[in-house]
Protein backbone atom coordinates (compact mmCIF):
# COMPACT_ATOMS: atom_id res chain seq x y z
CA MET A 1 -95.41 174.38 20.94
CA ILE A 2 -94.87 173.72 24.45
CA SER A 3 -91.59 175.34 25.72
CA SER A 4 -91.82 176.04 29.40
CA VAL A 5 -92.59 172.97 31.67
CA VAL A 6 -92.90 172.88 35.45
CA VAL A 7 -92.48 169.09 36.89
CA VAL A 8 -94.30 168.70 40.69
CA ASP A 9 -92.78 165.57 42.24
CA ASP A 10 -92.34 165.02 45.96
CA TYR A 11 -89.42 162.71 45.03
CA ARG A 12 -86.80 165.27 44.27
CA PRO A 13 -84.33 163.10 42.15
CA ALA A 14 -87.28 161.92 39.75
CA ALA A 15 -88.21 165.58 39.58
CA GLU A 16 -84.91 166.66 38.87
CA ALA A 17 -84.00 163.92 36.37
CA MET A 18 -87.07 164.76 34.26
CA CYS A 19 -86.26 168.41 34.36
CA ARG A 20 -82.76 167.59 33.00
CA LEU A 21 -84.25 165.52 29.98
CA LEU A 22 -86.68 168.12 29.29
CA LYS A 23 -83.85 170.62 28.72
CA LEU A 24 -82.28 168.18 26.72
CA LEU A 25 -85.23 168.29 24.56
CA GLY A 26 -85.25 171.84 24.20
CA HIS A 27 -87.68 172.70 26.83
CA GLU A 28 -87.27 175.37 29.75
CA ALA A 29 -88.06 173.33 33.11
CA ARG A 30 -88.37 174.19 36.54
CA SER A 31 -88.97 171.31 39.61
CA CYS A 32 -90.82 171.69 42.81
CA ALA A 33 -90.50 168.92 45.47
CA ASP A 34 -92.79 170.13 47.84
CA PRO A 35 -96.81 170.10 46.79
CA GLU A 36 -97.69 172.46 49.31
CA LYS A 37 -95.52 175.31 47.28
CA CYS A 38 -96.12 174.36 43.74
CA LEU A 39 -98.95 176.77 43.35
CA GLU A 40 -96.40 179.51 43.74
CA LEU A 41 -93.76 178.36 41.37
CA ILE A 42 -96.49 177.81 38.58
CA GLU A 43 -98.00 181.14 39.12
CA GLN A 44 -94.14 182.71 38.76
CA ALA A 45 -93.15 180.43 35.61
CA LYS A 46 -96.59 180.48 33.77
CA PRO A 47 -95.70 177.23 31.90
CA ASP A 48 -96.79 175.61 29.03
CA ALA A 49 -97.49 172.31 30.56
CA ILE A 50 -97.32 171.01 34.04
CA LEU A 51 -96.21 167.32 34.51
CA LEU A 52 -97.78 166.48 38.09
CA ASP A 53 -97.07 163.68 40.16
CA ILE A 54 -100.42 162.29 41.41
CA VAL A 55 -99.41 160.69 44.65
CA MET A 56 -97.27 163.06 47.19
CA PRO A 57 -97.68 163.86 50.97
CA GLY A 58 -99.88 166.12 52.18
CA ILE A 59 -101.53 166.76 49.22
CA SER A 60 -102.40 164.45 45.74
CA GLY A 61 -102.10 165.66 42.25
CA LEU A 62 -105.86 164.77 42.06
CA GLU A 63 -106.41 167.51 44.50
CA LEU A 64 -104.10 170.11 42.97
CA VAL A 65 -105.27 169.59 39.43
CA GLY A 66 -108.13 172.07 40.22
CA PRO A 67 -106.55 175.00 42.20
CA ILE A 68 -103.76 174.97 39.41
CA ARG A 69 -106.61 175.02 36.49
CA GLN A 70 -108.16 178.39 38.45
CA ARG A 71 -104.82 180.07 38.36
CA LEU A 72 -103.64 179.22 35.07
CA GLU A 73 -104.63 179.79 31.16
CA LYS A 74 -106.81 177.26 29.57
CA SER A 75 -104.01 176.75 27.10
CA CYS A 76 -101.81 175.16 30.06
CA LYS A 77 -101.42 171.29 29.27
CA ILE A 78 -101.42 169.77 32.82
CA VAL A 79 -100.17 165.92 32.72
CA ALA A 80 -100.64 163.12 35.56
CA VAL A 81 -97.55 161.27 36.05
CA THR A 82 -97.86 158.09 38.36
CA GLY A 83 -96.27 154.75 38.69
CA HIS A 84 -99.91 153.28 39.19
CA VAL A 85 -100.58 151.39 35.90
CA ASP A 86 -104.16 151.14 35.86
CA ARG A 87 -107.31 152.05 33.71
CA GLU A 88 -109.31 153.35 36.87
CA MET A 89 -106.38 155.43 37.62
CA LYS A 90 -106.20 157.02 34.21
CA THR A 91 -110.24 157.54 34.38
CA ARG A 92 -109.83 159.37 37.67
CA CYS A 93 -106.92 161.60 36.40
CA LEU A 94 -108.78 162.46 33.42
CA ALA A 95 -112.14 163.21 35.27
CA ALA A 96 -110.57 165.30 37.72
CA GLY A 97 -109.42 167.94 34.89
CA PHE A 98 -105.68 166.43 33.90
CA ASP A 99 -105.36 166.57 29.90
CA ASP A 100 -103.17 163.57 29.77
CA PHE A 101 -101.63 160.79 31.76
CA MET A 102 -98.11 159.44 31.54
CA VAL A 103 -96.81 156.43 33.62
CA LYS A 104 -93.42 156.55 35.17
CA PRO A 105 -90.82 156.04 34.23
CA ALA A 106 -91.41 157.69 30.96
CA THR A 107 -89.48 157.07 27.67
CA ILE A 108 -88.27 160.20 25.91
CA GLY A 109 -91.01 159.12 22.94
CA GLU A 110 -93.56 158.97 25.75
CA LEU A 111 -92.44 162.13 27.01
CA GLU A 112 -92.37 163.72 23.57
CA ALA A 113 -95.76 162.36 22.91
CA VAL A 114 -97.37 163.65 25.76
CA LEU A 115 -95.80 167.24 25.04
CA GLY A 116 -97.01 167.37 21.50
CA PHE A 117 -94.55 166.50 19.38
CA ASN A 118 -96.31 163.51 17.72
CA PRO A 119 -99.96 163.71 18.76
CA SER A 120 -100.71 160.44 17.35
CA SER A 121 -98.76 158.51 19.87
CA SER A 122 -100.26 160.24 22.98
CA PRO A 123 -100.83 157.72 25.75
CA ARG A 124 -104.25 159.30 25.89
CA SER A 125 -105.21 158.38 22.55
CA ALA A 126 -103.96 154.76 23.35
CA SER A 127 -106.95 153.72 25.41
């Protein structure tokens, strides 16, 4: 079960709101609004899951997923989070190494599904 989550989103209010929601759902949650500094936080926190925004200044989530994978245990679930709702973006994210894909703003049900509370309703399984 996922208990620790790091949220990486350059829009600080969105990252903080996601952390509050995760905490309400019983997870330990930390956020980082600077994609350039997120690797340090991720290495310190050693989370069970990462919610990683795709479109960020400087370095995108697509560019970060590889270095994150190299630094973490294979069991860490990395979820692409984006406002771009199209099949091509989902395909690119999954090919880049993400475990799942979530469109923001996400509902509580979608968040629970992505984090494994209800695997049969995961956005990834609905193609």
